[in-house]
Amino acid sequence: MIKLNLSVIGSVIFATATFIAGCNGIDIRDIQPANRQPAIEPDYSGITIPYNIAPMNFRIGEEGKKFLVRISSSNGICNKIRSSDGNVIFPLKLWRALTGNNADSIEIEIIAVNKDKKYIKYSPFSMKISGDSVDPWLCYRFLYPGYETWVEMQLILRSTETFKEKYFIENQLLERNCINCHSFNSKKAERFLVQVRGSKGGTYFHDGMDLTRRILRTDNMKANVVYPSWHPSGKYVAFSSNRTIQSFHMKAGKNIEVMDLFSSLLLYDPDQNLISPVSDRDTANYMETYPCWAPDGKYLYYCRAEQVMEGFDYRKIKYDLARKRFDSDTGEFGPAEVIFSASEINKSVSFPSISPDGRYLVLTLHDYGTFSIWHREADLYLLDLQNMDIKKLPFNSNETESYHSWSSNGRWIVFSSKRLDGLTARPFIAFFESPGKTGKPFVLPQKDPTLYRRLDKTFNRPEFVPALPASEARDFMKASAKPPLKARWIEK
């Protein structure tokens, strides 16, 4: 349990949330210095956080019958917290006082009382506070890790400012169908789409007014639409159409391999309900996937590899990063241009995403193939679209880093990482101002700081969202009961 010991002016009580400067350091005689920082879970030491982030609750990973924690903010606010179980839980009102009023850092000092009633003082650690806010909501798929675990799956909207959660979609309401990719139009909550596979399958579109189920596959297509990207105007959605297979590794450390047998790019007009191929003037055959629009809508970025043939070696499939110029008035594309040839360095690219100002592109780089979430070597890289310089981001670990997206203001990157246990993906958030000015990433804070240790579900495809969408879980159930709208094919 947590007890609060607040410095107050006169007889001001805690309920008024009035905190003052002048909190002295912890003064206990016969303290032994540990001469190191304490182990904490999650590791929040030295991180950079947005001022509007939820309380960074943590657990002290040191021996002790009780703990005394002193928290001081650069804005002069301080607080002392006593913990008997090692959990340090910040009341929201206190946390806002510590991070508000132009605070730029928080320092935390911990003293442990061991079973012999000896006091161990650990070196303080700090958190930097950025004046750049993060989007108030994070949307992600929540499911068990594996290759076909559809029994329980949700699309969740989680507040980044508090611990509030909202179930956006629950597959129990859709006959336990598989909830696939979700995408918001320029991160706006009014227009979005969600892919569903199964008896209630289709692409669920919300146009700002209504939620409808649509079938986008036509007889002209070899495979279903899979990975989406909204054009900034909202007039179009680029899709990749993928036919994939799965294989299973016998080798330790490798689990599943997912690869394309075929993939191509398509352009969908949701207002006209028309879908058309993105033709390539190149005579060579390519597999094309992971479309991503530039913020100004003038280029479509994507990943491409040479078309595989019968008896192919999956370890030799290498995807490059390419783009095509786009005319939004005519819906026409220019020729393909490879801007990063990963195959030349014996690597493969997936998941391109572009900063809101259009300057930088983050991509996932791995040894081969297109499905990087099962590749331990997968890391995040930053491509400068002005000079085409590419560098490895300092956010990486020895485990998988895969899907990622930008905040609306371009100051934060959220990405999936398996660094905590090597199996389940967790959403990590990192500060980004420029290639030379970034922050140590931190895992999304939880009310219970031990949650990630105990939770065997994975957080998939995290996306920042500036507001709550208009639809709720039962709206999807209602839309699934109506006949779907079938798209019409048109050749450009």
Protein backbone atom coordinates (compact mmCIF):
# COMPACT_ATOMS: atom_id res chain seq x y z
CA MET A 1 0.00 0.00 0.00
CA ILE A 2 1.05 3.60 -0.57
CA LYS A 3 1.05 6.41 1.96
CA LEU A 4 1.56 10.01 0.91
CA ASN A 5 3.53 12.56 2.90
CA LEU A 6 2.99 15.93 1.25
CA SER A 7 4.61 19.26 2.02
CA VAL A 8 1.83 21.80 2.39
CA ILE A 9 1.40 25.45 3.31
CA GLY A 10 -0.18 25.85 6.71
CA SER A 11 -3.16 23.58 7.11
CA VAL A 12 -3.94 23.08 3.41
CA ILE A 13 -5.20 19.51 3.10
CA PHE A 14 -4.28 16.98 0.41
CA ALA A 15 -7.64 17.19 -1.34
CA THR A 16 -6.84 20.71 -2.50
CA ALA A 17 -3.88 19.36 -4.49
CA THR A 18 -1.66 22.23 -3.36
CA PHE A 19 2.04 21.36 -3.42
CA ILE A 20 4.97 23.61 -2.59
CA ALA A 21 8.67 23.98 -3.13
CA GLY A 22 11.33 23.47 -0.48
CA CYS A 23 11.08 19.71 0.10
CA ASN A 24 14.42 18.69 1.58
CA GLY A 25 16.26 15.48 0.85
CA ILE A 26 15.58 12.37 2.89
CA ASP A 27 17.35 12.83 6.23
CA ILE A 28 17.90 9.55 8.06
CA ARG A 29 20.97 8.76 10.14
CA ASP A 30 23.16 5.72 9.56
CA ILE A 31 22.31 5.38 5.89
CA GLN A 32 24.45 3.08 3.76
CA PRO A 33 25.01 4.38 0.23
CA ALA A 34 24.44 1.76 -2.49
CA ASN A 35 26.58 3.80 -4.90
CA ARG A 36 24.31 2.81 -7.78
CA GLN A 37 20.83 3.49 -9.05
CA PRO A 38 18.07 1.11 -7.97
CA ALA A 39 16.65 -1.56 -10.24
CA ILE A 40 13.12 -0.55 -11.20
CA GLU A 41 10.41 -2.15 -13.34
CA PRO A 42 9.77 -0.87 -15.95
CA ASP A 43 13.12 0.84 -16.53
CA TYR A 44 12.15 4.51 -16.48
CA SER A 45 15.55 5.95 -15.58
CA GLY A 46 16.95 8.54 -17.98
CA ILE A 47 13.91 8.59 -20.24
CA THR A 48 12.24 11.57 -21.92
CA ILE A 49 8.48 11.83 -21.40
CA PRO A 50 5.76 14.19 -22.68
CA TYR A 51 4.31 16.46 -20.03
CA ASN A 52 0.82 14.99 -20.56
CA ILE A 53 1.77 11.31 -20.18
CA ALA A 54 -0.02 9.09 -17.65
CA PRO A 55 1.68 8.56 -14.27
CA MET A 56 4.91 6.60 -14.67
CA ASN A 57 4.18 4.02 -11.97
CA PHE A 58 7.01 1.59 -11.29
CA ARG A 59 8.08 -1.22 -9.00
CA ILE A 60 11.32 -1.15 -7.00
CA GLY A 61 13.34 -4.26 -7.80
CA GLU A 62 15.45 -4.21 -4.63
CA GLU A 63 15.18 -6.10 -1.35
CA GLY A 64 13.44 -4.21 1.42
CA LYS A 65 10.62 -4.43 3.94
CA LYS A 66 9.60 -0.89 3.10
CA PHE A 67 10.74 1.96 0.91
CA LEU A 68 10.84 5.73 1.15
CA VAL A 69 10.69 7.53 -2.20
CA ARG A 70 11.38 11.24 -2.71
CA ILE A 71 10.20 12.82 -5.94
CA SER A 72 11.19 16.37 -6.82
CA SER A 73 10.31 18.36 -9.92
CA SER A 74 12.31 21.17 -11.49
CA ASN A 75 9.20 23.33 -11.04
CA GLY A 76 9.72 23.19 -7.26
CA ILE A 77 7.05 20.61 -6.43
CA CYS A 78 8.14 17.68 -4.30
CA ASN A 79 6.62 14.68 -2.60
CA LYS A 80 7.59 11.77 -0.39
CA ILE A 81 5.93 8.39 -0.90
CA ARG A 82 6.18 5.39 1.42
CA SER A 83 5.72 1.91 -0.02
CA SER A 84 5.47 -1.38 1.85
CA ASP A 85 5.35 -3.60 -1.25
CA GLY A 86 7.80 -1.89 -3.62
CA ASN A 87 5.10 -0.49 -5.91
CA VAL A 88 5.30 3.26 -6.46
CA ILE A 89 1.90 4.56 -7.60
CA PHE A 90 1.45 8.25 -8.39
CA PRO A 91 -2.00 9.81 -7.85
CA LEU A 92 -2.96 11.57 -11.07
CA LYS A 93 -3.36 14.97 -9.39
CA LEU A 94 0.11 14.76 -7.88
CA TRP A 95 1.61 13.56 -11.16
CA ARG A 96 0.13 16.52 -13.02
CA ALA A 97 1.62 18.86 -10.42
CA LEU A 98 5.06 17.29 -10.86
CA THR A 99 5.02 17.41 -14.68
CA GLY A 100 3.15 20.69 -15.16
CA ASN A 101 4.03 24.37 -14.84
CA ASN A 102 6.91 24.17 -17.34
CA ALA A 103 8.74 21.40 -15.49
CA ASP A 104 11.64 19.99 -17.51
CA SER A 105 12.74 17.12 -15.24
CA ILE A 106 11.84 14.92 -12.28
CA GLU A 107 14.38 13.42 -9.89
CA ILE A 108 13.57 10.31 -7.84
CA GLU A 109 15.54 9.12 -4.82
CA ILE A 110 14.87 5.79 -3.07
CA ILE A 111 15.82 4.50 0.38
CA ALA A 112 15.18 0.84 1.22
CA VAL A 113 14.76 -0.50 4.75
CA ASN A 114 15.93 -4.12 4.88
CA LYS A 115 14.94 -6.89 7.29
CA ASP A 116 17.71 -5.84 9.69
CA LYS A 117 16.23 -2.33 9.73
CA LYS A 118 19.26 -0.96 7.94
CA TYR A 119 18.78 1.90 5.50
CA ILE A 120 20.18 1.61 1.96
CA LYS A 121 20.22 4.80 -0.09
CA TYR A 122 20.35 4.46 -3.87
CA SER A 123 21.65 7.05 -6.28
CA PRO A 124 18.83 9.19 -7.67
CA PHE A 125 17.57 8.78 -11.23
CA SER A 126 15.71 11.27 -13.36
CA MET A 127 13.17 11.66 -16.14
CA LYS A 128 13.33 14.51 -18.63
CA ILE A 129 10.02 16.23 -19.39
CA SER A 130 9.34 17.52 -22.89
CA GLY A 131 7.03 20.44 -23.56
CA ASP A 132 5.79 18.59 -26.64
CA SER A 133 2.57 16.70 -25.95
CA VAL A 134 1.74 13.22 -27.17
CA ASP A 135 -1.59 12.31 -28.78
CA PRO A 136 -4.17 11.52 -26.10
CA TRP A 137 -5.06 8.06 -27.43
CA LEU A 138 -3.22 4.97 -28.62
CA CYS A 139 -4.98 2.32 -30.72
CA TYR A 140 -3.62 -1.24 -30.87
CA ARG A 141 -4.63 -4.85 -31.44
CA PHE A 142 -4.60 -6.89 -28.25
CA LEU A 143 -4.21 -10.64 -28.71
CA TYR A 144 -2.25 -13.73 -27.80
CA PRO A 145 1.02 -14.11 -29.72
CA GLY A 146 0.97 -16.90 -32.28
CA TYR A 147 0.11 -17.79 -35.80
CA GLU A 148 -3.66 -18.38 -35.48
CA THR A 149 -5.03 -17.21 -32.15
CA TRP A 150 -8.36 -15.65 -33.02
CA VAL A 151 -10.32 -16.89 -29.99
CA GLU A 152 -9.90 -13.64 -28.10
CA MET A 153 -8.91 -10.45 -29.88
CA GLN A 154 -9.68 -6.79 -29.34
CA LEU A 155 -8.88 -3.46 -30.88
CA ILE A 156 -8.28 -1.19 -27.90
CA LEU A 157 -8.15 2.57 -27.48
CA ARG A 158 -5.98 3.43 -24.52
CA SER A 159 -5.59 6.92 -23.09
CA THR A 160 -1.94 7.99 -23.00
CA GLU A 161 -2.82 10.64 -20.39
CA THR A 162 -4.58 8.33 -17.93
CA PHE A 163 -5.13 4.58 -17.66
CA LYS A 164 -8.57 4.66 -19.25
CA GLU A 165 -9.24 1.97 -21.86
CA LYS A 166 -12.01 1.54 -24.37
CA TYR A 167 -12.75 -1.57 -26.42
CA PHE A 168 -13.03 -0.28 -29.98
CA ILE A 169 -13.82 -3.74 -31.39
CA GLU A 170 -14.23 -7.12 -29.72
CA ASN A 171 -14.11 -10.16 -31.96
CA GLN A 172 -16.56 -11.96 -29.66
CA LEU A 173 -19.19 -9.65 -31.18
CA LEU A 174 -18.11 -10.70 -34.69
CA GLU A 175 -18.34 -14.49 -34.30
CA ARG A 176 -14.71 -14.53 -33.14
CA ASN A 177 -13.44 -13.40 -36.54
CA CYS A 178 -9.85 -12.21 -36.94
CA ILE A 179 -9.44 -8.45 -36.55
CA ASN A 180 -6.71 -7.36 -38.93
CA CYS A 181 -5.20 -4.01 -39.84
CA HIS A 182 -6.67 -0.69 -38.71
CA SER A 183 -5.95 2.68 -40.28
CA PHE A 184 -7.03 6.27 -39.60
CA ASN A 185 -7.20 9.01 -42.22
CA SER A 186 -4.24 11.29 -41.37
CA LYS A 187 -4.69 10.23 -37.73
CA LYS A 188 -8.14 11.80 -37.66
CA ALA A 189 -10.76 9.88 -35.76
CA GLU A 190 -13.66 10.71 -38.12
CA ARG A 191 -12.57 8.47 -41.01
CA PHE A 192 -11.04 5.07 -40.44
CA LEU A 193 -11.10 1.48 -41.62
CA VAL A 194 -10.68 -1.91 -39.99
CA GLN A 195 -10.06 -5.22 -41.76
CA VAL A 196 -11.84 -8.36 -40.55
CA ARG A 197 -11.35 -11.96 -41.74
CA GLY A 198 -13.91 -14.72 -41.31
CA SER A 199 -17.68 -15.15 -41.53
CA LYS A 200 -18.20 -11.42 -40.88
CA GLY A 201 -15.19 -10.51 -42.99
CA GLY A 202 -14.65 -7.41 -45.04
CA THR A 203 -13.29 -3.90 -44.68
CA TYR A 204 -15.30 -1.81 -42.23
CA PHE A 205 -15.28 1.86 -43.27
CA HIS A 206 -16.36 4.85 -41.24
CA ASP A 207 -16.79 7.93 -43.43
CA GLY A 208 -17.47 10.37 -40.62
CA MET A 209 -21.17 9.54 -40.58
CA ASP A 210 -21.80 5.82 -40.99
CA LEU A 211 -19.99 2.53 -40.48
CA THR A 212 -20.36 0.12 -43.41
CA ARG A 213 -18.92 -3.28 -44.30
CA ARG A 214 -17.42 -3.54 -47.76
CA ILE A 215 -16.00 -6.39 -49.82
CA LEU A 216 -13.05 -5.01 -51.76
CA ARG A 217 -11.96 -8.19 -53.53
CA THR A 218 -13.22 -8.59 -57.09
CA ASP A 219 -12.82 -11.34 -59.70
CA ASN A 220 -9.95 -9.34 -61.21
CA MET A 221 -7.81 -9.73 -58.08
CA LYS A 222 -5.53 -12.64 -57.16
CA ALA A 223 -5.76 -12.01 -53.41
CA ASN A 224 -7.56 -9.99 -50.75
CA VAL A 225 -6.59 -6.47 -49.74
CA VAL A 226 -4.35 -6.51 -46.66
CA TYR A 227 -2.22 -3.48 -45.72
CA PRO A 228 -3.92 -0.05 -46.04
CA SER A 229 -2.83 3.58 -46.13
CA TRP A 230 -5.19 6.56 -46.37
CA HIS A 231 -4.38 9.37 -48.76
CA PRO A 232 -4.23 12.62 -46.70
CA SER A 233 -7.19 14.02 -48.65
CA GLY A 234 -9.38 11.09 -47.64
CA LYS A 235 -10.31 10.58 -51.31
CA TYR A 236 -8.29 7.38 -51.70
CA VAL A 237 -6.93 4.42 -49.82
CA ALA A 238 -3.90 2.54 -51.11
CA PHE A 239 -3.90 -1.18 -50.37
CA SER A 240 -1.56 -4.04 -50.96
CA SER A 241 -3.18 -7.27 -52.10
CA ASN A 242 -1.20 -10.18 -50.65
CA ARG A 243 -1.26 -13.94 -50.97
CA THR A 244 0.81 -15.26 -48.07
CA ILE A 245 1.96 -18.59 -46.69
CA GLN A 246 3.33 -19.61 -43.30
CA SER A 247 6.11 -22.02 -42.43
CA PHE A 248 7.45 -23.14 -39.08
CA HIS A 249 11.09 -23.29 -38.04
CA MET A 250 12.61 -26.32 -36.33
CA LYS A 251 15.61 -24.23 -35.28
CA ALA A 252 15.63 -22.78 -31.76
CA GLY A 253 15.15 -19.02 -31.67
CA LYS A 254 13.00 -19.01 -34.80
CA ASN A 255 9.26 -19.55 -34.69
CA ILE A 256 7.19 -18.64 -37.69
CA GLU A 257 8.03 -17.40 -41.18
CA VAL A 258 5.34 -15.51 -43.09
CA MET A 259 6.04 -14.65 -46.71
CA ASP A 260 4.28 -13.42 -49.81
CA LEU A 261 3.78 -15.57 -52.87
CA PHE A 262 2.23 -12.60 -54.63
CA SER A 263 1.47 -8.99 -53.77
CA SER A 264 0.46 -5.89 -55.70
CA LEU A 265 -0.73 -2.34 -55.04
CA LEU A 266 -4.31 -1.17 -55.47
CA LEU A 267 -6.06 2.20 -55.24
CA TYR A 268 -9.54 2.41 -53.72
CA ASP A 269 -11.95 5.31 -53.99
CA PRO A 270 -14.29 4.92 -50.97
CA ASP A 271 -16.78 7.55 -52.18
CA GLN A 272 -17.21 5.93 -55.60
CA ASN A 273 -16.58 2.39 -54.30
CA LEU A 274 -14.09 1.78 -57.12
CA ILE A 275 -10.87 -0.21 -56.89
CA SER A 276 -8.13 -0.19 -59.52
CA PRO A 277 -4.58 -1.54 -59.99
CA VAL A 278 -1.53 0.64 -59.46
CA SER A 279 0.13 -0.22 -62.75
CA ASP A 280 3.91 -0.37 -63.09
CA ARG A 281 5.64 0.57 -66.31
CA ASP A 282 8.63 -1.56 -65.34
CA THR A 283 8.69 -4.78 -67.36
CA ALA A 284 10.08 -6.74 -64.41
CA ASN A 285 7.69 -8.53 -62.07
CA TYR A 286 7.67 -7.31 -58.47
CA MET A 287 5.88 -8.08 -55.26
CA GLU A 288 4.70 -4.78 -53.76
CA THR A 289 3.48 -4.26 -50.21
CA TYR A 290 3.21 -1.90 -47.20
CA PRO A 291 1.94 1.25 -48.97
CA CYS A 292 2.52 4.54 -47.15
CA TRP A 293 1.50 7.99 -48.38
CA ALA A 294 3.65 11.08 -47.96
CA PRO A 295 1.89 13.68 -45.75
CA ASP A 296 1.31 15.95 -48.77
CA GLY A 297 -0.11 13.04 -50.78
CA LYS A 298 2.28 13.55 -53.70
CA TYR A 299 4.14 10.24 -53.31
CA LEU A 300 3.17 6.69 -52.44
CA TYR A 301 5.99 4.83 -50.71
CA TYR A 302 6.06 1.04 -50.55
CA CYS A 303 8.29 -2.03 -50.32
CA ARG A 304 9.04 -4.21 -53.31
CA ALA A 305 10.97 -7.39 -54.12
CA GLU A 306 11.40 -9.49 -57.23
CA GLN A 307 8.53 -11.91 -57.78
CA VAL A 308 9.35 -15.31 -56.31
CA MET A 309 9.30 -18.37 -58.54
CA GLU A 310 8.56 -22.01 -57.79
CA GLY A 311 11.11 -23.55 -55.43
CA PHE A 312 12.30 -20.16 -54.12
CA ASP A 313 14.57 -19.75 -51.08
CA TYR A 314 12.73 -17.49 -48.61
CA ARG A 315 16.05 -16.29 -47.16
CA LYS A 316 16.86 -14.64 -50.49
CA ILE A 317 13.73 -12.48 -50.61
CA LYS A 318 14.92 -8.89 -50.11
CA TYR A 319 12.57 -5.90 -50.22
CA ASP A 320 13.71 -2.43 -51.29
CA LEU A 321 12.01 0.88 -50.51
CA ALA A 322 10.40 2.50 -53.55
CA ARG A 323 7.97 5.30 -54.31
CA LYS A 324 5.73 6.61 -57.09
CA ARG A 325 4.58 10.15 -57.74
CA PHE A 326 0.80 10.57 -57.55
CA ASP A 327 -1.63 13.06 -59.09
CA SER A 328 -4.63 13.24 -56.77
CA ASP A 329 -6.74 15.05 -59.39
CA THR A 330 -6.44 12.27 -61.97
CA GLY A 331 -5.63 9.32 -59.72
CA GLU A 332 -2.62 8.52 -61.91
CA PHE A 333 0.83 7.32 -60.79
CA GLY A 334 4.27 7.98 -62.19
CA PRO A 335 7.03 5.39 -62.65
CA ALA A 336 8.61 3.54 -59.74
CA GLU A 337 11.74 4.96 -58.12
CA VAL A 338 13.86 2.93 -55.70
CA ILE A 339 15.09 5.28 -52.97
CA PHE A 340 16.74 2.75 -50.64
CA SER A 341 18.10 -0.48 -52.07
CA ALA A 342 18.25 -2.68 -48.97
CA SER A 343 18.96 -5.71 -51.14
CA GLU A 344 22.35 -4.23 -52.03
CA ILE A 345 23.40 -4.57 -48.38
CA ASN A 346 21.74 -8.00 -48.10
CA LYS A 347 18.84 -6.67 -46.04
CA SER A 348 15.08 -6.26 -46.42
CA VAL A 349 12.70 -3.37 -45.65
CA SER A 350 9.23 -3.32 -44.11
CA PHE A 351 6.79 -0.88 -42.42
CA PRO A 352 7.72 2.55 -43.85
CA SER A 353 6.17 5.49 -41.99
CA ILE A 354 6.76 9.19 -42.62
CA SER A 355 6.96 12.08 -40.16
CA PRO A 356 4.08 14.61 -40.38
CA ASP A 357 6.41 17.26 -41.85
CA GLY A 358 7.47 14.84 -44.61
CA ARG A 359 11.17 15.10 -43.76
CA TYR A 360 11.93 11.67 -42.24
CA LEU A 361 10.91 8.10 -42.90
CA VAL A 362 11.25 5.34 -40.31
CA LEU A 363 11.54 1.78 -41.59
CA THR A 364 12.20 -1.67 -40.19
CA LEU A 365 15.32 -3.38 -41.51
CA HIS A 366 15.85 -7.12 -41.19
CA ASP A 367 17.66 -9.99 -42.89
CA TYR A 368 15.03 -11.15 -45.37
CA GLY A 369 11.33 -11.30 -46.18
CA THR A 370 8.54 -8.92 -45.31
CA PHE A 371 7.13 -10.08 -41.97
CA SER A 372 9.62 -8.67 -39.49
CA ILE A 373 7.68 -9.28 -36.26
CA TRP A 374 9.25 -12.74 -35.94
CA HIS A 375 12.79 -11.56 -36.72
CA ARG A 376 14.98 -10.88 -33.67
CA GLU A 377 17.43 -8.92 -35.82
CA ALA A 378 14.74 -6.45 -36.95
CA ASP A 379 15.70 -2.86 -36.07
CA LEU A 380 14.38 0.63 -36.75
CA TYR A 381 16.23 2.96 -39.13
CA LEU A 382 15.72 6.60 -40.07
CA LEU A 383 15.87 7.81 -43.68
CA ASP A 384 16.26 11.54 -44.33
CA LEU A 385 14.11 12.17 -47.41
CA GLN A 386 15.98 15.39 -48.23
CA ASN A 387 19.44 13.90 -48.63
CA MET A 388 18.59 10.15 -48.51
CA ASP A 389 21.00 9.53 -45.62
CA ILE A 390 20.01 6.54 -43.52
CA LYS A 391 21.05 5.74 -39.96
CA LYS A 392 20.15 3.27 -37.26
CA LEU A 393 17.92 4.76 -34.57
CA PRO A 394 19.11 4.55 -30.95
CA PHE A 395 15.79 2.98 -29.91
CA ASN A 396 16.74 -0.60 -30.74
CA SER A 397 17.40 -3.62 -28.52
CA ASN A 398 18.63 -7.20 -28.92
CA GLU A 399 15.04 -8.30 -29.58
CA THR A 400 12.52 -7.49 -32.31
CA GLU A 401 11.54 -3.91 -33.10
CA SER A 402 8.85 -3.85 -35.78
CA TYR A 403 5.70 -1.79 -36.38
CA HIS A 404 5.91 1.95 -35.64
CA SER A 405 4.03 5.21 -36.17
CA TRP A 406 4.46 8.94 -35.55
CA SER A 407 2.56 11.28 -33.26
CA SER A 408 0.54 14.09 -34.84
CA ASN A 409 3.21 16.67 -33.97
CA GLY A 410 6.11 14.47 -35.11
CA ARG A 411 7.83 14.56 -31.72
CA TRP A 412 7.04 11.00 -30.61
CA ILE A 413 7.42 7.59 -32.21
CA VAL A 414 5.56 4.58 -30.86
CA PHE A 415 6.83 1.15 -31.85
CA SER A 416 6.33 -2.52 -31.03
CA SER A 417 9.25 -4.11 -29.22
CA LYS A 418 9.78 -7.59 -27.77
CA ARG A 419 12.69 -6.47 -25.59
CA LEU A 420 10.99 -7.31 -22.29
CA ASP A 421 10.62 -11.06 -22.82
CA GLY A 422 11.52 -11.87 -26.43
CA LEU A 423 8.02 -13.13 -27.21
CA THR A 424 5.32 -10.51 -26.64
CA ALA A 425 5.32 -7.08 -28.27
CA ARG A 426 4.91 -4.04 -26.02
CA PRO A 427 4.30 -0.41 -27.09
CA PHE A 428 7.39 1.74 -26.50
CA ILE A 429 7.37 5.51 -26.98
CA ALA A 430 10.46 7.56 -27.85
CA PHE A 431 11.08 11.29 -28.17
CA PHE A 432 12.29 12.53 -31.56
CA GLU A 433 13.29 16.06 -32.51
CA SER A 434 16.06 15.36 -35.02
CA PRO A 435 18.43 12.49 -35.83
CA GLY A 436 20.85 13.82 -33.22
CA LYS A 437 18.26 14.68 -30.58
CA THR A 438 16.21 11.74 -29.39
CA GLY A 439 15.18 10.27 -26.05
CA LYS A 440 15.52 6.88 -24.41
CA PRO A 441 12.28 4.98 -25.15
CA PHE A 442 9.86 3.96 -22.42
CA VAL A 443 7.12 1.35 -22.34
CA LEU A 444 3.55 2.66 -22.15
CA PRO A 445 2.89 3.19 -18.41
CA GLN A 446 0.29 1.03 -16.69
CA LYS A 447 -1.66 1.50 -13.47
CA ASP A 448 -0.10 -1.76 -12.22
CA PRO A 449 3.65 -1.53 -12.90
CA THR A 450 3.96 -5.35 -12.89
CA LEU A 451 1.36 -5.83 -15.64
CA TYR A 452 3.79 -6.54 -18.47
CA ARG A 453 5.53 -9.24 -16.46
CA ARG A 454 2.25 -11.04 -15.83
CA LEU A 455 0.52 -10.45 -19.16
CA ASP A 456 0.87 -13.03 -21.93
CA LYS A 457 -0.93 -10.99 -24.60
CA THR A 458 0.79 -8.88 -27.23
CA PHE A 459 0.21 -5.25 -28.31
CA ASN A 460 0.09 -5.16 -32.12
CA ARG A 461 0.19 -2.23 -34.61
CA PRO A 462 0.15 0.73 -32.18
CA GLU A 463 -1.16 3.97 -33.71
CA PHE A 464 -1.51 7.40 -32.12
CA VAL A 465 -5.03 8.88 -32.36
CA PRO A 466 -5.91 12.52 -31.47
CA ALA A 467 -9.51 11.81 -30.43
CA LEU A 468 -11.96 8.99 -29.82
CA PRO A 469 -13.61 7.60 -32.98
CA ALA A 470 -17.36 7.99 -33.32
CA SER A 471 -18.02 4.23 -33.50
CA GLU A 472 -18.14 1.72 -30.68
CA ALA A 473 -17.82 -2.06 -30.53
CA ARG A 474 -21.54 -2.75 -31.02
CA ASP A 475 -21.62 -0.57 -34.13
CA PHE A 476 -19.38 -3.14 -35.81
CA MET A 477 -21.78 -5.92 -34.82
CA LYS A 478 -24.68 -3.97 -36.35
CA ALA A 479 -22.73 -3.27 -39.55
CA SER A 480 -21.75 -6.95 -39.85
CA ALA A 481 -25.43 -7.98 -39.88
CA LYS A 482 -26.15 -5.95 -43.02
CA PRO A 483 -25.33 -7.06 -46.59
CA PRO A 484 -21.84 -5.82 -47.51
CA LEU A 485 -21.21 -3.28 -50.22
CA LYS A 486 -19.11 -4.85 -53.01
CA ALA A 487 -16.45 -2.76 -54.71
CA ARG A 488 -16.32 -2.40 -58.49
CA TRP A 489 -13.12 -2.89 -60.50
CA ILE A 490 -11.92 -0.24 -62.91
CA GLU A 491 -8.80 -0.19 -65.09
CA LYS A 492 -6.96 3.12 -65.16
